[in-house]
C-alpha atoms as a PDB file:
ATOM      1  CA  MET A   1      45.196 -77.519  11.892  1.00  0.00           C
ATOM      2  CA  THR A   2      48.399 -75.816  10.729  1.00  0.00           C
ATOM      3  CA  ARG A   3      49.043 -74.583   7.195  1.00  0.00           C
ATOM      4  CA  ALA A   4      51.368 -77.529   6.583  1.00  0.00           C
ATOM      5  CA  GLU A   5      48.735 -80.004   7.765  1.00  0.00           C
ATOM      6  CA  MET A   6      46.116 -78.389   5.527  1.00  0.00           C
ATOM      7  CA  VAL A   7      48.449 -78.578   2.518  1.00  0.00           C
ATOM      8  CA  ASP A   8      49.194 -82.236   3.307  1.00  0.00           C
ATOM      9  CA  ARG A   9      45.475 -82.994   3.497  1.00  0.00           C
ATOM     10  CA  TYR A  10      44.091 -80.825   0.672  1.00  0.00           C
ATOM     11  CA  GLY A  11      47.065 -80.259  -1.632  1.00  0.00           C
ATOM     12  CA  ASP A  12      49.449 -77.440  -2.377  1.00  0.00           C
ATOM     13  CA  GLY A  13      46.948 -75.444  -4.465  1.00  0.00           C
ATOM     14  CA  LEU A  14      45.580 -73.715  -1.371  1.00  0.00           C
ATOM     15  CA  VAL A  15      46.031 -69.952  -1.199  1.00  0.00           C
ATOM     16  CA  PHE A  16      46.537 -68.540   2.286  1.00  0.00           C
ATOM     17  CA  LEU A  17      46.734 -64.902   3.293  1.00  0.00           C
ATOM     18  CA  SER A  18      50.380 -63.933   3.569  1.00  0.00           C
ATOM     19  CA  GLU A  19      49.900 -62.648   7.117  1.00  0.00           C
ATOM     20  CA  HIS A  20      50.080 -65.746   9.333  1.00  0.00           C
ATOM     21  CA  TYR A  21      48.232 -64.025  12.182  1.00  0.00           C
ATOM     22  CA  TYR A  22      45.005 -64.396  10.164  1.00  0.00           C
ATOM     23  CA  ASP A  23      45.382 -68.188  10.408  1.00  0.00           C
ATOM     24  CA  ALA A  24      43.381 -67.942  13.646  1.00  0.00           C
ATOM     25  CA  ALA A  25      40.403 -66.850  11.501  1.00  0.00           C
ATOM     26  CA  ILE A  26      40.440 -69.944   9.245  1.00  0.00           C
ATOM     27  CA  LEU A  27      37.140 -71.825   9.386  1.00  0.00           C
ATOM     28  CA  GLY A  28      38.088 -74.595   6.975  1.00  0.00           C
ATOM     29  CA  VAL A  29      38.297 -75.434   3.276  1.00  0.00           C
ATOM     30  CA  ALA A  30      35.547 -75.028   0.666  1.00  0.00           C
ATOM     31  CA  ASN A  31      35.279 -76.982  -2.547  1.00  0.00           C
ATOM     32  CA  ASP A  32      34.450 -74.728  -5.475  1.00  0.00           C
ATOM     33  CA  MET A  33      32.446 -77.057  -7.669  1.00  0.00           C
ATOM     34  CA  PRO A  34      32.580 -75.094 -10.949  1.00  0.00           C
ATOM     35  CA  THR A  35      36.380 -74.832 -10.908  1.00  0.00           C
ATOM     36  CA  GLY A  36      37.297 -77.807  -8.745  1.00  0.00           C
ATOM     37  CA  ALA A  37      39.511 -75.536  -6.643  1.00  0.00           C
ATOM     38  CA  GLN A  38      39.749 -75.940  -2.909  1.00  0.00           C
ATOM     39  CA  ARG A  39      39.634 -72.590  -1.156  1.00  0.00           C
ATOM     40  CA  ILE A  40      40.557 -71.509   2.367  1.00  0.00           C
ATOM     41  CA  VAL A  41      37.580 -70.017   4.247  1.00  0.00           C
ATOM     42  CA  TYR A  42      38.182 -67.134   6.663  1.00  0.00           C
ATOM     43  CA  ASP A  43      35.838 -65.649   9.286  1.00  0.00           C
ATOM     44  CA  MET A  44      35.547 -61.921   8.523  1.00  0.00           C
ATOM     45  CA  GLU A  45      34.589 -60.908  12.073  1.00  0.00           C
ATOM     46  CA  GLN A  46      37.604 -62.721  13.465  1.00  0.00           C
ATOM     47  CA  MET A  47      39.814 -60.996  10.889  1.00  0.00           C
ATOM     48  CA  ILE A  48      38.460 -57.617  11.995  1.00  0.00           C
ATOM     49  CA  ASN A  49      39.249 -58.453  15.627  1.00  0.00           C
ATOM     50  CA  ILE A  50      42.776 -59.575  14.729  1.00  0.00           C
ATOM     51  CA  ALA A  51      43.446 -56.432  12.663  1.00  0.00           C
ATOM     52  CA  CYS A  52      42.148 -54.235  15.505  1.00  0.00           C
ATOM     53  CA  ASN A  53      44.369 -55.943  18.065  1.00  0.00           C
ATOM     54  CA  ILE A  54      47.530 -55.976  15.974  1.00  0.00           C
ATOM     55  CA  ASN A  55      47.238 -52.435  14.611  1.00  0.00           C
ATOM     56  CA  GLU A  56      45.395 -50.796  17.523  1.00  0.00           C
ATOM     57  CA  TRP A  57      42.589 -49.806  15.132  1.00  0.00           C
ATOM     58  CA  GLU A  58      38.907 -49.205  15.659  1.00  0.00           C
ATOM     59  CA  ALA A  59      36.611 -51.667  13.883  1.00  0.00           C
ATOM     60  CA  ASP A  60      35.735 -49.224  11.102  1.00  0.00           C
ATOM     61  CA  GLU A  61      39.439 -48.733  10.300  1.00  0.00           C
ATOM     62  CA  ALA A  62      40.020 -52.485  10.165  1.00  0.00           C
ATOM     63  CA  ILE A  63      36.971 -53.017   7.954  1.00  0.00           C
ATOM     64  CA  GLU A  64      38.065 -50.291   5.528  1.00  0.00           C
ATOM     65  CA  PHE A  65      41.573 -51.749   5.320  1.00  0.00           C
ATOM     66  CA  LEU A  66      40.392 -55.343   4.872  1.00  0.00           C
ATOM     67  CA  GLU A  67      37.738 -54.418   2.292  1.00  0.00           C
ATOM     68  CA  PHE A  68      40.238 -52.554   0.150  1.00  0.00           C
ATOM     69  CA  ASN A  69      43.331 -54.736   0.599  1.00  0.00           C
ATOM     70  CA  THR A  70      42.115 -58.259   1.269  1.00  0.00           C
ATOM     71  CA  TRP A  71      38.464 -59.144   0.787  1.00  0.00           C
ATOM     72  CA  CYS A  72      38.236 -57.742  -2.732  1.00  0.00           C
ATOM     73  CA  ALA A  73      41.510 -59.229  -3.980  1.00  0.00           C
ATOM     74  CA  TYR A  74      41.342 -61.908  -6.665  1.00  0.00           C
ATOM     75  CA  VAL A  75      44.278 -64.295  -6.966  1.00  0.00           C
ATOM     76  CA  GLY A  76      42.829 -66.952  -9.247  1.00  0.00           C
ATOM     77  CA  ASP A  77      40.468 -69.879  -8.813  1.00  0.00           C
ATOM     78  CA  ALA A  78      41.829 -70.660  -5.348  1.00  0.00           C
ATOM     79  CA  THR A  79      41.187 -67.128  -3.990  1.00  0.00           C
ATOM     80  CA  PRO A  80      40.171 -67.499  -0.334  1.00  0.00           C
ATOM     81  CA  VAL A  81      36.527 -67.194   0.683  1.00  0.00           C
ATOM     82  CA  PHE A  82      35.601 -64.620   3.330  1.00  0.00           C
ATOM     83  CA  VAL A  83      32.468 -65.400   5.337  1.00  0.00           C
ATOM     84  CA  GLN A  84      30.422 -63.131   7.545  1.00  0.00           C
ATOM     85  CA  ARG A  85      28.566 -65.419   9.914  1.00  0.00           C
ATOM     86  CA  GLN A  86      25.062 -64.582  11.060  1.00  0.00           C
ATOM     87  CA  LEU A  87      24.657 -64.168  14.787  1.00  0.00           C
END
C-alpha cells in the first residue's frame, strides 16, 4: 500500500519517516488506544538492511545511526512504532 493509499484509509494524521526508501519496511498501522492516534509501524531489521544498502554501511553503523537519529525521535502522539521481530 502506498503512502497516499494509507492516508486515504487511515487519515492524514499518520507520520511517516521523511526518507521514502524506508517505506519498504512498513508493516502496517497500529492503533494507540490511550491517545487514539494511528501510528505507522516499521520493521527495524528491514530498516537496518535498507540503511546498509543505501549507505554502504556495516550493520553496526546502520544501527548506531538509526538509534540516534530515528528510533529515539519523538514527534508527538503519532510517532511511528519501530518493531524488532523475533526470529
